[in-house]
Protein backbone atom coordinates (compact mmCIF):
# COMPACT_ATOMS: atom_id res chain seq x y z
CA MET A 1 -10.95 17.95 0.05
CA GLY A 2 -11.45 17.88 3.61
CA CYS A 3 -13.65 16.30 6.24
CA ASP A 4 -16.37 18.03 8.54
CA ARG A 5 -15.81 15.83 11.38
CA GLU A 6 -19.03 17.60 13.31
CA LYS A 7 -20.99 16.83 10.23
CA ALA A 8 -20.11 13.24 10.06
CA ARG A 9 -20.63 13.05 14.09
CA ARG A 10 -24.03 14.75 14.45
CA VAL A 11 -25.18 14.42 10.57
CA GLU A 12 -24.10 11.40 9.05
CA TRP A 13 -23.33 8.97 11.80
CA PRO A 14 -27.16 8.63 13.13
CA SER A 15 -28.14 8.05 9.93
CA ALA A 16 -25.79 5.61 8.53
CA LYS A 17 -26.55 3.38 11.78
CA VAL A 18 -30.22 3.68 11.17
CA LEU A 19 -29.70 2.61 8.01
CA ILE A 20 -26.94 -0.59 8.82
CA LYS A 21 -29.57 -1.55 11.76
CA SER A 22 -32.00 -1.76 9.34
CA PRO A 23 -31.26 -1.92 5.97
CA PRO A 24 -33.56 -1.24 2.75
CA GLN A 25 -34.16 -3.82 0.27
CA GLY A 26 -31.08 -3.11 -1.99
CA LEU A 27 -28.59 -3.14 0.94
CA GLN A 28 -26.88 -6.37 1.77
CA ARG A 29 -25.08 -7.54 5.19
CA ASN A 30 -21.68 -5.92 3.52
CA ALA A 31 -22.81 -2.29 4.15
CA TRP A 32 -19.71 -0.44 3.97
CA GLN A 33 -19.24 -2.11 0.36
CA ASP A 34 -22.25 -0.86 -0.33
CA PHE A 35 -21.75 2.81 0.77
CA PHE A 36 -18.25 2.81 -1.11
CA LEU A 37 -19.56 1.30 -4.19
CA ASP A 38 -23.23 3.52 -4.67
CA ASP A 39 -22.53 7.22 -6.06
CA GLU A 40 -26.14 8.03 -4.22
CA TRP A 41 -24.51 6.40 -0.65
CA ARG A 42 -20.95 8.40 -1.28
CA SER A 43 -22.84 11.87 -1.83
CA SER A 44 -25.25 11.47 1.39
CA PHE A 45 -22.40 10.40 3.49
CA PRO A 46 -18.93 12.11 2.25
CA ASN A 47 -17.54 12.85 5.42
CA LEU A 48 -18.26 9.59 6.97
CA LEU A 49 -16.86 7.26 4.19
CA LEU A 50 -13.78 9.71 4.33
CA ILE A 51 -13.11 8.61 8.06
CA VAL A 52 -14.02 5.36 7.08
CA GLU A 53 -11.40 4.89 4.23
CA LEU A 54 -8.68 6.19 6.65
CA ILE A 55 -9.48 3.90 9.59
CA LEU A 56 -9.16 0.97 6.56
CA VAL A 57 -5.97 1.91 5.64
CA LEU A 58 -4.31 2.17 9.49
CA PRO A 59 -2.51 -0.73 10.29
CA LEU A 60 -3.83 -3.57 12.81
CA SER A 61 -0.29 -3.77 14.45
CA THR A 62 2.84 -2.29 14.74
CA ALA A 63 4.58 -5.78 13.60
CA LEU A 64 6.02 -3.73 10.02
CA VAL A 65 7.29 -0.94 11.97
CA GLU A 66 8.92 -2.96 15.25
CA ARG A 67 10.58 -5.45 11.94
CA GLY A 68 11.90 -2.03 10.28
CA PHE A 69 13.64 -0.83 13.39
CA SER A 70 15.09 -4.56 14.20
CA ALA A 71 16.61 -4.50 10.47
CA MET A 72 18.16 -1.02 11.20
CA LYS A 73 19.52 -1.77 14.39
CA ARG A 74 20.79 -5.05 12.28
CA THR A 75 22.28 -2.80 9.76
CA LYS A 76 23.52 0.12 11.09
CA THR A 77 25.98 -1.21 13.61
CA TYR A 78 29.13 1.11 15.29
CA TRP A 79 31.06 -0.21 12.76
CA ARG A 80 28.43 1.09 9.92
CA SER A 81 27.96 4.45 11.57
CA ASN A 82 28.72 6.59 8.75
CA LEU A 83 26.46 4.79 6.34
CA SER A 84 24.89 7.78 4.39
CA VAL A 85 20.60 8.27 4.10
CA HIS A 86 20.87 6.81 0.53
CA THR A 87 23.04 3.65 1.36
CA LEU A 88 20.54 2.97 4.46
CA THR A 89 17.97 3.21 2.98
CA ARG A 90 18.71 0.84 -0.02
CA LEU A 91 19.97 -1.51 2.70
CA LEU A 92 16.97 -1.64 4.53
CA PHE A 93 14.99 -1.82 1.47
CA ILE A 94 16.77 -4.96 0.41
CA SER A 95 16.70 -6.09 3.82
CA LEU A 96 12.63 -6.01 4.31
CA GLU A 97 11.61 -6.45 0.89
CA GLY A 98 14.17 -8.69 -0.74
CA PRO A 99 14.21 -12.21 -1.70
CA ASP A 100 15.14 -14.63 0.94
CA MET A 101 18.47 -15.86 0.94
CA GLU A 102 17.86 -19.50 -0.26
CA HIS A 103 16.33 -17.72 -3.75
CA PHE A 104 18.89 -14.88 -4.38
CA ASN A 105 21.05 -15.46 -7.28
CA ALA A 106 24.16 -13.29 -6.06
CA MET A 107 26.34 -13.94 -9.76
CA PRO A 108 24.65 -11.11 -11.29
CA VAL A 109 25.08 -8.55 -8.69
CA MET A 110 28.70 -9.89 -7.74
CA LYS A 111 29.51 -9.37 -12.16
CA ARG A 112 28.27 -5.69 -12.05
CA TRP A 113 30.09 -5.11 -8.87
CA LEU A 114 33.46 -6.33 -10.36
CA LYS A 115 33.18 -4.25 -13.69
CA GLU A 116 32.52 -1.15 -11.88
CA ALA A 117 35.94 0.10 -11.38
CA ASP A 118 34.80 3.36 -9.20
CA ARG A 119 35.31 2.24 -5.32
CA ARG A 120 37.70 2.69 -2.50
CA SER A 121 40.82 0.46 -2.32
CA LEU A 122 40.87 -1.78 0.82
CA GLN A 123 44.64 -0.73 1.61
């Protein structure tokens, strides 16, 4: 399913602007919501609505990305530069999405770690 941007710009957008500026009886203040929910509107403005859907999922700021890079800088230090991608991904996921330390019970994790015997010696 592609998007015909030219049709959206030349045909669908001018028609949608008219409807938004002077809405018919059934169209409420939340015009975009009505467009998305009504099958007739969706078939009349398929390209325009696809563009709007894409715009609505764009992040409003880069804060989340910046938090991710900060977490990676804290996690992958000079001493830990040989971490595999798999391990680094898991550590970053825990750092970004895991529970706060105040709410984390480490006992089950420690017990599991102690049961596993397949690890390198610290000698």
